[in-house]
PDB file of N, CA and C in Angstrom:
ATOM      1  N   MET A   1      65.790  77.933 -26.035  1.00  0.00           N
ATOM      2  CA  MET A   1      63.994  77.883 -27.306  1.00  0.00           C
ATOM      3  C   MET A   1      63.894  76.298 -26.591  1.00  0.00           C
ATOM      4  N   ASP A   2      62.813  76.116 -27.181  1.00  0.00           N
ATOM      5  CA  ASP A   2      61.841  75.210 -27.047  1.00  0.00           C
ATOM      6  C   ASP A   2      62.137  73.813 -27.724  1.00  0.00           C
ATOM      7  N   ARG A   3      62.425  73.106 -27.179  1.00  0.00           N
ATOM      8  CA  ARG A   3      62.002  71.978 -28.379  1.00  0.00           C
ATOM      9  C   ARG A   3      60.690  71.814 -28.545  1.00  0.00           C
ATOM     10  N   ALA A   4      60.681  71.445 -30.062  1.00  0.00           N
ATOM     11  CA  ALA A   4      59.567  70.974 -31.187  1.00  0.00           C
ATOM     12  C   ALA A   4      59.250  69.688 -30.477  1.00  0.00           C
ATOM     13  N   ARG A   5      58.093  69.601 -30.166  1.00  0.00           N
ATOM     14  CA  ARG A   5      57.044  67.995 -29.306  1.00  0.00           C
ATOM     15  C   ARG A   5      56.019  67.963 -30.628  1.00  0.00           C
ATOM     16  N   PRO A   6      56.572  66.479 -30.152  1.00  0.00           N
ATOM     17  CA  PRO A   6      55.133  66.183 -31.442  1.00  0.00           C
ATOM     18  C   PRO A   6      54.036  65.734 -30.463  1.00  0.00           C
ATOM     19  N   PRO A   7      53.138  65.608 -31.457  1.00  0.00           N
ATOM     20  CA  PRO A   7      51.206  66.060 -31.510  1.00  0.00           C
ATOM     21  C   PRO A   7      51.177  65.083 -30.408  1.00  0.00           C
ATOM     22  N   ASP A   8      50.144  64.686 -28.896  1.00  0.00           N
ATOM     23  CA  ASP A   8      50.141  64.049 -28.360  1.00  0.00           C
ATOM     24  C   ASP A   8      49.915  62.632 -28.345  1.00  0.00           C
ATOM     25  N   ASP A   9      48.936  63.717 -29.848  1.00  0.00           N
ATOM     26  CA  ASP A   9      48.268  61.526 -30.664  1.00  0.00           C
ATOM     27  C   ASP A   9      48.945  60.728 -31.575  1.00  0.00           C
ATOM     28  N   ILE A  10      50.370  61.247 -31.287  1.00  0.00           N
ATOM     29  CA  ILE A  10      50.663  61.632 -32.913  1.00  0.00           C
ATOM     30  C   ILE A  10      51.247  59.232 -33.082  1.00  0.00           C
ATOM     31  N   PRO A  11      50.473  58.202 -33.768  1.00  0.00           N
ATOM     32  CA  PRO A  11      50.568  57.332 -33.009  1.00  0.00           C
ATOM     33  C   PRO A  11      52.221  56.987 -33.853  1.00  0.00           C
ATOM     34  N   PRO A  12      53.024  55.402 -32.898  1.00  0.00           N
ATOM     35  CA  PRO A  12      54.586  55.640 -32.471  1.00  0.00           C
ATOM     36  C   PRO A  12      55.095  55.051 -34.608  1.00  0.00           C
ATOM     37  N   SER A  13      54.167  54.704 -34.577  1.00  0.00           N
ATOM     38  CA  SER A  13      55.155  54.599 -36.380  1.00  0.00           C
ATOM     39  C   SER A  13      55.214  56.425 -37.163  1.00  0.00           C
ATOM     40  N   ASP A  14      54.750  57.349 -36.707  1.00  0.00           N
ATOM     41  CA  ASP A  14      54.421  58.485 -37.812  1.00  0.00           C
ATOM     42  C   ASP A  14      55.563  58.891 -37.040  1.00  0.00           C
ATOM     43  N   PHE A  15      55.340  58.819 -35.284  1.00  0.00           N
ATOM     44  CA  PHE A  15      56.832  59.776 -34.611  1.00  0.00           C
ATOM     45  C   PHE A  15      57.972  59.284 -35.414  1.00  0.00           C
ATOM     46  N   PHE A  16      58.787  58.400 -35.549  1.00  0.00           N
ATOM     47  CA  PHE A  16      59.802  57.349 -36.027  1.00  0.00           C
ATOM     48  C   PHE A  16      60.023  57.341 -37.176  1.00  0.00           C
ATOM     49  N   LEU A  17      58.865  57.384 -38.372  1.00  0.00           N
ATOM     50  CA  LEU A  17      59.004  57.093 -39.531  1.00  0.00           C
ATOM     51  C   LEU A  17      58.998  58.381 -40.991  1.00  0.00           C
ATOM     52  N   ARG A  18      58.259  59.737 -39.594  1.00  0.00           N
ATOM     53  CA  ARG A  18      57.895  60.677 -39.879  1.00  0.00           C
ATOM     54  C   ARG A  18      59.555  61.976 -39.459  1.00  0.00           C
ATOM     55  N   TRP A  19      57.924  61.929 -37.869  1.00  0.00           N
ATOM     56  CA  TRP A  19      58.177  63.499 -37.375  1.00  0.00           C
ATOM     57  C   TRP A  19      59.958  63.367 -36.535  1.00  0.00           C
ATOM     58  N   VAL A  20      60.162  62.447 -35.910  1.00  0.00           N
ATOM     59  CA  VAL A  20      61.687  62.502 -35.763  1.00  0.00           C
ATOM     60  C   VAL A  20      62.948  62.504 -37.410  1.00  0.00           C
ATOM     61  N   PRO A  21      62.511  61.756 -38.540  1.00  0.00           N
ATOM     62  CA  PRO A  21      63.723  62.811 -39.607  1.00  0.00           C
ATOM     63  C   PRO A  21      63.417  64.239 -40.254  1.00  0.00           C
ATOM     64  N   GLU A  22      62.062  64.712 -39.784  1.00  0.00           N
ATOM     65  CA  GLU A  22      61.212  65.104 -40.337  1.00  0.00           C
ATOM     66  C   GLU A  22      61.976  66.994 -38.762  1.00  0.00           C
ATOM     67  N   ALA A  23      61.638  66.516 -38.280  1.00  0.00           N
ATOM     68  CA  ALA A  23      62.372  67.262 -36.505  1.00  0.00           C
ATOM     69  C   ALA A  23      64.027  67.724 -37.078  1.00  0.00           C
ATOM     70  N   VAL A  24      64.685  66.689 -36.976  1.00  0.00           N
ATOM     71  CA  VAL A  24      66.091  67.620 -36.822  1.00  0.00           C
ATOM     72  C   VAL A  24      66.631  67.538 -38.641  1.00  0.00           C
ATOM     73  N   ALA A  25      65.901  67.137 -40.006  1.00  0.00           N
ATOM     74  CA  ALA A  25      66.232  67.699 -40.448  1.00  0.00           C
ATOM     75  C   ALA A  25      65.659  69.627 -40.765  1.00  0.00           C
ATOM     76  N   ARG A  26      64.424  70.155 -40.199  1.00  0.00           N
ATOM     77  CA  ARG A  26      64.833  71.598 -40.387  1.00  0.00           C
ATOM     78  C   ARG A  26      65.788  72.031 -39.279  1.00  0.00           C
ATOM     79  N   ASP A  27      66.005  71.153 -38.334  1.00  0.00           N
ATOM     80  CA  ASP A  27      66.107  71.563 -36.974  1.00  0.00           C
ATOM     81  C   ASP A  27      68.438  72.091 -37.436  1.00  0.00           C
ATOM     82  N   ALA A  28      69.092  72.860 -38.199  1.00  0.00           N
ATOM     83  CA  ALA A  28      70.234  72.975 -37.885  1.00  0.00           C
ATOM     84  C   ALA A  28      70.717  72.705 -36.713  1.00  0.00           C
ATOM     85  N   HIS A  29      70.679  73.580 -35.709  1.00  0.00           N
ATOM     86  CA  HIS A  29      70.492  73.231 -33.716  1.00  0.00           C
ATOM     87  C   HIS A  29      70.779  71.743 -33.124  1.00  0.00           C
ATOM     88  N   ARG A  30      70.235  71.159 -33.640  1.00  0.00           N
ATOM     89  CA  ARG A  30      69.762  69.988 -33.138  1.00  0.00           C
ATOM     90  C   ARG A  30      71.502  68.571 -34.424  1.00  0.00           C
ATOM     91  N   GLN A  31      70.812  69.282 -36.133  1.00  0.00           N
ATOM     92  CA  GLN A  31      71.827  68.341 -36.884  1.00  0.00           C
ATOM     93  C   GLN A  31      73.538  69.141 -35.939  1.00  0.00           C
ATOM     94  N   GLU A  32      73.637  70.147 -35.203  1.00  0.00           N
ATOM     95  CA  GLU A  32      75.528  70.789 -35.087  1.00  0.00           C
ATOM     96  C   GLU A  32      75.560  69.123 -34.168  1.00  0.00           C
ATOM     97  N   ARG A  33      74.693  69.372 -32.716  1.00  0.00           N
ATOM     98  CA  ARG A  33      74.259  68.701 -31.249  1.00  0.00           C
ATOM     99  C   ARG A  33      75.174  66.865 -32.014  1.00  0.00           C
ATOM    100  N   LEU A  34      74.445  66.344 -32.723  1.00  0.00           N
ATOM    101  CA  LEU A  34      74.318  64.856 -32.993  1.00  0.00           C
ATOM    102  C   LEU A  34      75.899  65.130 -34.189  1.00  0.00           C
ATOM    103  N   GLY A  35      76.417  66.117 -33.760  1.00  0.00           N
ATOM    104  CA  GLY A  35      78.022  66.447 -34.682  1.00  0.00           C
ATOM    105  C   GLY A  35      78.145  64.670 -36.057  1.00  0.00           C
ATOM    106  N   ASP A  36      79.348  64.326 -35.259  1.00  0.00           N
ATOM    107  CA  ASP A  36      79.683  63.377 -36.670  1.00  0.00           C
ATOM    108  C   ASP A  36      79.228  61.609 -36.033  1.00  0.00           C
ATOM    109  N   THR A  37      78.160  61.977 -34.984  1.00  0.00           N
ATOM    110  CA  THR A  37      77.172  61.040 -34.205  1.00  0.00           C
ATOM    111  C   THR A  37      76.732  60.108 -35.804  1.00  0.00           C
ATOM    112  N   GLU A  38      77.512  58.440 -35.285  1.00  0.00           N
ATOM    113  CA  GLU A  38      76.418  57.476 -36.277  1.00  0.00           C
ATOM    114  C   GLU A  38      75.925  55.857 -35.646  1.00  0.00           C
ATOM    115  N   ALA A  39      74.658  55.583 -35.481  1.00  0.00           N
ATOM    116  CA  ALA A  39      75.038  54.586 -34.189  1.00  0.00           C
ATOM    117  C   ALA A  39      73.487  53.963 -34.940  1.00  0.00           C
ATOM    118  N   THR A  40      72.880  53.104 -35.010  1.00  0.00           N
ATOM    119  CA  THR A  40      72.013  52.646 -34.838  1.00  0.00           C
ATOM    120  C   THR A  40      70.907  52.475 -33.647  1.00  0.00           C
ATOM    121  N   ILE A  41      69.651  52.740 -33.440  1.00  0.00           N
ATOM    122  CA  ILE A  41      68.800  52.536 -32.265  1.00  0.00           C
ATOM    123  C   ILE A  41      67.637  52.004 -32.463  1.00  0.00           C
ATOM    124  N   VAL A  42      67.129  51.020 -31.441  1.00  0.00           N
ATOM    125  CA  VAL A  42      65.731  50.452 -31.745  1.00  0.00           C
ATOM    126  C   VAL A  42      65.297  50.628 -30.602  1.00  0.00           C
ATOM    127  N   PHE A  43      64.644  50.772 -31.209  1.00  0.00           N
ATOM    128  CA  PHE A  43      63.509  50.654 -29.746  1.00  0.00           C
ATOM    129  C   PHE A  43      62.119  49.835 -29.736  1.00  0.00           C
ATOM    130  N   GLU A  44      61.480  49.765 -28.832  1.00  0.00           N
ATOM    131  CA  GLU A  44      60.566  48.896 -28.326  1.00  0.00           C
ATOM    132  C   GLU A  44      59.810  49.330 -27.502  1.00  0.00           C
ATOM    133  N   LEU A  45      58.743  49.053 -28.038  1.00  0.00           N
ATOM    134  CA  LEU A  45      57.484  49.951 -27.149  1.00  0.00           C
ATOM    135  C   LEU A  45      56.117  48.771 -27.455  1.00  0.00           C
ATOM    136  N   THR A  46      55.886  48.494 -25.921  1.00  0.00           N
ATOM    137  CA  THR A  46      55.480  47.481 -25.448  1.00  0.00           C
ATOM    138  C   THR A  46      53.851  48.153 -25.704  1.00  0.00           C
ATOM    139  N   GLY A  47      53.652  47.094 -25.579  1.00  0.00           N
ATOM    140  CA  GLY A  47      51.315  47.727 -25.322  1.00  0.00           C
ATOM    141  C   GLY A  47      50.836  48.502 -26.341  1.00  0.00           C
ATOM    142  N   PRO A  48      49.508  48.405 -26.416  1.00  0.00           N
ATOM    143  CA  PRO A  48      48.565  48.408 -27.049  1.00  0.00           C
ATOM    144  C   PRO A  48      48.969  50.348 -28.062  1.00  0.00           C
ATOM    145  N   GLU A  49      49.880  49.472 -29.471  1.00  0.00           N
ATOM    146  CA  GLU A  49      50.213  50.946 -30.421  1.00  0.00           C
ATOM    147  C   GLU A  49      51.989  50.697 -29.937  1.00  0.00           C
ATOM    148  N   GLY A  50      52.294  49.317 -29.817  1.00  0.00           N
ATOM    149  CA  GLY A  50      53.470  49.284 -29.804  1.00  0.00           C
ATOM    150  C   GLY A  50      53.972  49.375 -31.380  1.00  0.00           C
ATOM    151  N   GLY A  51      55.343  48.148 -31.269  1.00  0.00           N
ATOM    152  CA  GLY A  51      55.886  47.619 -32.360  1.00  0.00           C
ATOM    153  C   GLY A  51      58.284  47.925 -31.744  1.00  0.00           C
ATOM    154  N   LEU A  52      58.132  47.812 -33.081  1.00  0.00           N
ATOM    155  CA  LEU A  52      59.852  47.990 -32.801  1.00  0.00           C
ATOM    156  C   LEU A  52      59.898  48.881 -34.158  1.00  0.00           C
ATOM    157  N   TYR A  53      61.022  49.945 -33.710  1.00  0.00           N
ATOM    158  CA  TYR A  53      61.135  50.568 -34.880  1.00  0.00           C
ATOM    159  C   TYR A  53      62.293  51.500 -34.859  1.00  0.00           C
ATOM    160  N   THR A  54      62.978  51.236 -36.263  1.00  0.00           N
ATOM    161  CA  THR A  54      64.638  51.723 -35.763  1.00  0.00           C
ATOM    162  C   THR A  54      64.827  52.684 -36.729  1.00  0.00           C
ATOM    163  N   VAL A  55      66.356  53.796 -35.349  1.00  0.00           N
ATOM    164  CA  VAL A  55      66.905  55.319 -35.355  1.00  0.00           C
ATOM    165  C   VAL A  55      67.745  54.618 -36.446  1.00  0.00           C
ATOM    166  N   ALA A  56      68.124  55.256 -37.354  1.00  0.00           N
ATOM    167  CA  ALA A  56      69.538  55.085 -37.522  1.00  0.00           C
ATOM    168  C   ALA A  56      69.722  56.918 -37.758  1.00  0.00           C
ATOM    169  N   ILE A  57      71.303  57.092 -37.154  1.00  0.00           N
ATOM    170  CA  ILE A  57      71.901  58.932 -37.538  1.00  0.00           C
ATOM    171  C   ILE A  57      73.088  58.670 -37.594  1.00  0.00           C
ATOM    172  N   ALA A  58      73.700  59.013 -38.658  1.00  0.00           N
ATOM    173  CA  ALA A  58      74.520  59.454 -39.415  1.00  0.00           C
ATOM    174  C   ALA A  58      74.845  60.487 -40.515  1.00  0.00           C
ATOM    175  N   GLY A  59      75.651  61.524 -40.092  1.00  0.00           N
ATOM    176  CA  GLY A  59      75.886  62.836 -40.785  1.00  0.00           C
ATOM    177  C   GLY A  59      74.773  64.001 -40.076  1.00  0.00           C
ATOM    178  N   GLY A  60      74.810  63.535 -40.167  1.00  0.00           N
ATOM    179  CA  GLY A  60      73.529  64.805 -39.026  1.00  0.00           C
ATOM    180  C   GLY A  60      71.735  64.378 -40.100  1.00  0.00           C
ATOM    181  N   VAL A  61      71.647  63.365 -40.187  1.00  0.00           N
ATOM    182  CA  VAL A  61      70.573  63.285 -40.684  1.00  0.00           C
ATOM    183  C   VAL A  61      70.473  61.623 -39.981  1.00  0.00           C
ATOM    184  N   VAL A  62      68.959  61.697 -39.868  1.00  0.00           N
ATOM    185  CA  VAL A  62      68.207  60.767 -39.003  1.00  0.00           C
ATOM    186  C   VAL A  62      66.982  59.960 -39.988  1.00  0.00           C
ATOM    187  N   GLU A  63      67.336  58.904 -40.443  1.00  0.00           N
ATOM    188  CA  GLU A  63      66.404  57.757 -40.777  1.00  0.00           C
ATOM    189  C   GLU A  63      65.511  56.865 -39.781  1.00  0.00           C
ATOM    190  N   GLY A  64      63.787  57.187 -39.964  1.00  0.00           N
ATOM    191  CA  GLY A  64      63.456  55.571 -39.213  1.00  0.00           C
ATOM    192  C   GLY A  64      62.683  54.940 -40.399  1.00  0.00           C
ATOM    193  N   ARG A  65      62.791  53.922 -39.675  1.00  0.00           N
ATOM    194  CA  ARG A  65      61.946  52.516 -40.049  1.00  0.00           C
ATOM    195  C   ARG A  65      61.621  51.309 -39.409  1.00  0.00           C
ATOM    196  N   GLU A  66      60.709  51.144 -39.926  1.00  0.00           N
ATOM    197  CA  GLU A  66      59.853  49.841 -39.432  1.00  0.00           C
ATOM    198  C   GLU A  66      60.520  48.656 -38.802  1.00  0.00           C
ATOM    199  N   GLY A  67      60.957  47.693 -37.676  1.00  0.00           N
ATOM    200  CA  GLY A  67      61.012  46.572 -37.523  1.00  0.00           C
ATOM    201  C   GLY A  67      63.279  47.348 -36.861  1.00  0.00           C
ATOM    202  N   ALA A  68      63.353  46.096 -36.503  1.00  0.00           N
ATOM    203  CA  ALA A  68      64.602  45.932 -35.566  1.00  0.00           C
ATOM    204  C   ALA A  68      66.160  45.187 -36.974  1.00  0.00           C
ATOM    205  N   VAL A  69      66.906  45.331 -36.374  1.00  0.00           N
ATOM    206  CA  VAL A  69      68.309  45.514 -36.851  1.00  0.00           C
ATOM    207  C   VAL A  69      68.792  44.611 -35.338  1.00  0.00           C
ATOM    208  N   ASP A  70      69.526  43.191 -35.648  1.00  0.00           N
ATOM    209  CA  ASP A  70      70.477  42.222 -35.743  1.00  0.00           C
ATOM    210  C   ASP A  70      71.155  42.413 -34.510  1.00  0.00           C
ATOM    211  N   GLU A  71      71.727  44.484 -34.524  1.00  0.00           N
ATOM    212  CA  GLU A  71      72.935  44.442 -33.539  1.00  0.00           C
ATOM    213  C   GLU A  71      73.188  45.636 -33.622  1.00  0.00           C
ATOM    214  N   PRO A  72      71.628  46.597 -32.883  1.00  0.00           N
ATOM    215  CA  PRO A  72      71.598  47.650 -32.445  1.00  0.00           C
ATOM    216  C   PRO A  72      72.898  48.279 -31.361  1.00  0.00           C
ATOM    217  N   ASP A  73      73.370  49.591 -31.824  1.00  0.00           N
ATOM    218  CA  ASP A  73      74.012  50.471 -30.955  1.00  0.00           C
ATOM    219  C   ASP A  73      73.565  50.539 -29.381  1.00  0.00           C
ATOM    220  N   LEU A  74      72.471  50.696 -29.862  1.00  0.00           N
ATOM    221  CA  LEU A  74      71.272  50.805 -28.472  1.00  0.00           C
ATOM    222  C   LEU A  74      69.894  50.221 -29.051  1.00  0.00           C
ATOM    223  N   ARG A  75      69.542  49.207 -27.964  1.00  0.00           N
ATOM    224  CA  ARG A  75      68.265  49.291 -27.560  1.00  0.00           C
ATOM    225  C   ARG A  75      67.814  49.715 -26.383  1.00  0.00           C
ATOM    226  N   VAL A  76      66.718  50.928 -27.402  1.00  0.00           N
ATOM    227  CA  VAL A  76      65.514  51.649 -25.999  1.00  0.00           C
ATOM    228  C   VAL A  76      64.403  50.399 -25.559  1.00  0.00           C
ATOM    229  N   GLU A  77      63.597  50.356 -24.624  1.00  0.00           N
ATOM    230  CA  GLU A  77      62.858  49.480 -24.506  1.00  0.00           C
ATOM    231  C   GLU A  77      61.693  50.274 -23.409  1.00  0.00           C
ATOM    232  N   LEU A  78      60.283  50.370 -23.784  1.00  0.00           N
ATOM    233  CA  LEU A  78      59.660  50.877 -22.938  1.00  0.00           C
ATOM    234  C   LEU A  78      58.305  50.818 -23.334  1.00  0.00           C
ATOM    235  N   ASP A  79      57.429  50.796 -22.035  1.00  0.00           N
ATOM    236  CA  ASP A  79      55.567  50.817 -22.900  1.00  0.00           C
ATOM    237  C   ASP A  79      55.430  52.065 -23.972  1.00  0.00           C
ATOM    238  N   VAL A  80      54.194  52.514 -23.809  1.00  0.00           N
ATOM    239  CA  VAL A  80      53.066  53.024 -25.011  1.00  0.00           C
ATOM    240  C   VAL A  80      53.332  54.837 -23.981  1.00  0.00           C
ATOM    241  N   ASP A  81      52.321  54.549 -23.405  1.00  0.00           N
ATOM    242  CA  ASP A  81      52.079  55.953 -21.373  1.00  0.00           C
ATOM    243  C   ASP A  81      53.234  56.151 -20.864  1.00  0.00           C
ATOM    244  N   THR A  82      55.094  55.152 -20.856  1.00  0.00           N
ATOM    245  CA  THR A  82      55.514  56.478 -20.985  1.00  0.00           C
ATOM    246  C   THR A  82      56.918  56.635 -22.144  1.00  0.00           C
ATOM    247  N   TRP A  83      56.340  56.378 -23.322  1.00  0.00           N
ATOM    248  CA  TRP A  83      56.599  56.544 -24.568  1.00  0.00           C
ATOM    249  C   TRP A  83      56.002  57.586 -24.766  1.00  0.00           C
ATOM    250  N   ARG A  84      54.532  57.784 -24.359  1.00  0.00           N
ATOM    251  CA  ARG A  84      53.977  59.682 -24.249  1.00  0.00           C
ATOM    252  C   ARG A  84      54.160  60.377 -23.430  1.00  0.00           C
ATOM    253  N   ARG A  85      54.290  60.010 -22.287  1.00  0.00           N
ATOM    254  CA  ARG A  85      54.958  60.587 -20.896  1.00  0.00           C
ATOM    255  C   ARG A  85      56.268  61.537 -21.531  1.00  0.00           C
ATOM    256  N   LEU A  86      57.309  60.917 -21.727  1.00  0.00           N
ATOM    257  CA  LEU A  86      58.364  61.141 -22.003  1.00  0.00           C
ATOM    258  C   LEU A  86      58.916  62.689 -23.458  1.00  0.00           C
ATOM    259  N   ASN A  87      57.386  62.257 -23.883  1.00  0.00           N
ATOM    260  CA  ASN A  87      57.504  63.178 -25.764  1.00  0.00           C
ATOM    261  C   ASN A  87      56.405  64.261 -24.282  1.00  0.00           C
ATOM    262  N   ARG A  88      55.658  63.892 -24.071  1.00  0.00           N
ATOM    263  CA  ARG A  88      54.742  65.252 -23.757  1.00  0.00           C
ATOM    264  C   ARG A  88      56.251  66.079 -22.259  1.00  0.00           C
ATOM    265  N   GLY A  89      56.902  65.680 -21.910  1.00  0.00           N
ATOM    266  CA  GLY A  89      57.633  66.292 -20.292  1.00  0.00           C
ATOM    267  C   GLY A  89      57.101  65.604 -19.258  1.00  0.00           C
ATOM    268  N   GLU A  90      56.510  64.813 -19.737  1.00  0.00           N
ATOM    269  CA  GLU A  90      55.667  64.403 -17.904  1.00  0.00           C
ATOM    270  C   GLU A  90      56.969  64.066 -17.183  1.00  0.00           C
ATOM    271  N   LEU A  91      57.324  63.604 -17.452  1.00  0.00           N
ATOM    272  CA  LEU A  91      58.410  62.150 -17.340  1.00  0.00           C
ATOM    273  C   LEU A  91      59.837  62.282 -17.653  1.00  0.00           C
ATOM    274  N   SER A  92      60.920  62.775 -16.851  1.00  0.00           N
ATOM    275  CA  SER A  92      62.260  63.060 -17.782  1.00  0.00           C
ATOM    276  C   SER A  92      63.319  61.250 -17.266  1.00  0.00           C
ATOM    277  N   ALA A  93      63.959  61.380 -18.638  1.00  0.00           N
ATOM    278  CA  ALA A  93      64.189  60.110 -18.796  1.00  0.00           C
ATOM    279  C   ALA A  93      65.061  59.398 -17.727  1.00  0.00           C
ATOM    280  N   PRO A  94      65.301  60.026 -16.778  1.00  0.00           N
ATOM    281  CA  PRO A  94      66.219  59.281 -15.648  1.00  0.00           C
ATOM    282  C   PRO A  94      65.626  59.032 -14.448  1.00  0.00           C
ATOM    283  N   GLU A  95      64.332  59.936 -14.469  1.00  0.00           N
ATOM    284  CA  GLU A  95      63.099  59.200 -13.823  1.00  0.00           C
ATOM    285  C   GLU A  95      62.268  57.918 -14.098  1.00  0.00           C
ATOM    286  N   ALA A  96      62.551  58.246 -15.463  1.00  0.00           N
ATOM    287  CA  ALA A  96      62.261  57.119 -16.397  1.00  0.00           C
ATOM    288  C   ALA A  96      62.819  55.844 -15.809  1.00  0.00           C
ATOM    289  N   LEU A  97      63.886  55.862 -15.972  1.00  0.00           N
ATOM    290  CA  LEU A  97      65.067  54.894 -15.499  1.00  0.00           C
ATOM    291  C   LEU A  97      65.345  54.171 -14.245  1.00  0.00           C
ATOM    292  N   LEU A  98      64.388  55.347 -13.504  1.00  0.00           N
ATOM    293  CA  LEU A  98      64.979  54.721 -11.990  1.00  0.00           C
ATOM    294  C   LEU A  98      63.695  53.790 -11.608  1.00  0.00           C
ATOM    295  N   ARG A  99      62.522  54.689 -11.919  1.00  0.00           N
ATOM    296  CA  ARG A  99      61.523  53.913 -11.854  1.00  0.00           C
ATOM    297  C   ARG A  99      61.331  52.400 -13.005  1.00  0.00           C
ATOM    298  N   ARG A 100      61.957  52.416 -13.201  1.00  0.00           N
ATOM    299  CA  ARG A 100      61.903  51.322 -14.265  1.00  0.00           C
ATOM    300  C   ARG A 100      61.214  51.453 -15.569  1.00  0.00           C
ATOM    301  N   ARG A 101      60.788  52.273 -15.632  1.00  0.00           N
ATOM    302  CA  ARG A 101      59.957  51.858 -17.111  1.00  0.00           C
ATOM    303  C   ARG A 101      61.062  52.196 -18.068  1.00  0.00           C
ATOM    304  N   LEU A 102      62.409  52.302 -17.758  1.00  0.00           N
ATOM    305  CA  LEU A 102      62.416  52.296 -19.500  1.00  0.00           C
ATOM    306  C   LEU A 102      64.100  51.977 -19.065  1.00  0.00           C
ATOM    307  N   HIS A 103      64.011  51.056 -20.402  1.00  0.00           N
ATOM    308  CA  HIS A 103      66.202  50.237 -19.744  1.00  0.00           C
ATOM    309  C   HIS A 103      65.925  50.221 -21.764  1.00  0.00           C
ATOM    310  N   PHE A 104      67.779  50.018 -21.245  1.00  0.00           N
ATOM    311  CA  PHE A 104      68.909  50.383 -22.446  1.00  0.00           C
ATOM    312  C   PHE A 104      69.352  49.807 -22.054  1.00  0.00           C
ATOM    313  N   HIS A 105      69.492  49.383 -23.723  1.00  0.00           N
ATOM    314  CA  HIS A 105      70.794  48.442 -23.748  1.00  0.00           C
ATOM    315  C   HIS A 105      72.160  48.178 -24.792  1.00  0.00           C
ATOM    316  N   GLY A 106      73.858  48.489 -24.502  1.00  0.00           N
ATOM    317  CA  GLY A 106      73.999  48.869 -25.265  1.00  0.00           C
ATOM    318  C   GLY A 106      74.491  49.943 -25.190  1.00  0.00           C
ATOM    319  N   SER A 107      75.081  51.133 -25.932  1.00  0.00           N
ATOM    320  CA  SER A 107      75.846  52.512 -24.892  1.00  0.00           C
ATOM    321  C   SER A 107      75.567  53.177 -24.525  1.00  0.00           C
ATOM    322  N   LEU A 108      76.075  53.042 -22.834  1.00  0.00           N
ATOM    323  CA  LEU A 108      74.401  54.198 -22.472  1.00  0.00           C
ATOM    324  C   LEU A 108      74.983  54.975 -23.190  1.00  0.00           C
ATOM    325  N   LEU A 109      76.025  55.810 -23.212  1.00  0.00           N
ATOM    326  CA  LEU A 109      76.584  57.428 -23.628  1.00  0.00           C
ATOM    327  C   LEU A 109      75.903  57.737 -25.197  1.00  0.00           C
ATOM    328  N   LEU A 110      75.808  56.463 -26.132  1.00  0.00           N
ATOM    329  CA  LEU A 110      74.632  56.829 -26.593  1.00  0.00           C
ATOM    330  C   LEU A 110      73.210  57.247 -26.430  1.00  0.00           C
ATOM    331  N   GLY A 111      72.557  56.231 -25.416  1.00  0.00           N
ATOM    332  CA  GLY A 111      71.813  56.547 -24.184  1.00  0.00           C
ATOM    333  C   GLY A 111      71.807  58.501 -23.849  1.00  0.00           C
ATOM    334  N   LEU A 112      72.446  58.966 -23.685  1.00  0.00           N
ATOM    335  CA  LEU A 112      72.996  59.564 -23.394  1.00  0.00           C
ATOM    336  C   LEU A 112      72.077  60.770 -24.134  1.00  0.00           C
ATOM    337  N   LYS A 113      72.113  60.568 -25.418  1.00  0.00           N
ATOM    338  CA  LYS A 113      72.348  61.159 -25.963  1.00  0.00           C
ATOM    339  C   LYS A 113      71.448  61.409 -27.296  1.00  0.00           C
ATOM    340  N   LEU A 114      70.387  60.468 -26.299  1.00  0.00           N
ATOM    341  CA  LEU A 114      69.326  60.765 -27.251  1.00  0.00           C
ATOM    342  C   LEU A 114      68.030  61.984 -27.036  1.00  0.00           C
ATOM    343  N   HIS A 115      67.882  62.951 -25.808  1.00  0.00           N
ATOM    344  CA  HIS A 115      67.632  64.142 -26.582  1.00  0.00           C
ATOM    345  C   HIS A 115      67.427  64.453 -27.634  1.00  0.00           C
ATOM    346  N   PHE A 116      69.057  64.738 -27.361  1.00  0.00           N
ATOM    347  CA  PHE A 116      69.649  65.032 -28.860  1.00  0.00           C
ATOM    348  C   PHE A 116      69.050  64.761 -30.108  1.00  0.00           C
ATOM    349  N   ILE A 117      68.526  64.050 -30.595  1.00  0.00           N
ATOM    350  CA  ILE A 117      67.990  62.619 -31.387  1.00  0.00           C
ATOM    351  C   ILE A 117      66.239  63.268 -31.407  1.00  0.00           C
ATOM    352  N   LEU A 118      66.007  63.480 -30.069  1.00  0.00           N
ATOM    353  CA  LEU A 118      64.989  62.735 -30.496  1.00  0.00           C
ATOM    354  C   LEU A 118      64.118  64.237 -29.871  1.00  0.00           C
ATOM    355  N   GLY A 119      63.893  64.878 -28.721  1.00  0.00           N
ATOM    356  CA  GLY A 119      63.441  66.126 -28.765  1.00  0.00           C
ATOM    357  C   GLY A 119      64.986  66.912 -28.495  1.00  0.00           C
TER     358      GLY A 119
END
């Protein structure tokens, strides 16, 4: 099964606040893969259109909001261009990590699960 891909020109705010929660809500397989994951992830996107977004996961439900929480389980830092390339499938997360375009701070295991949440 192909993963759902957001529109190429989606603003980050729409992606985190609307698209991700809706994509998870209508995909039972993705909810199953999330299992009993409970976590808070902060995404810091730098550059034009950048911002801070928090994604909270609990009970197979994903909620997004603007801003950051003080002590997330994982903090993900990347620029908007890298974020768009990851969404389009032009760049893999391991490659972005190796190129130092993507940075994880916190739970590496949760970082590895991100594709279950976002794609």
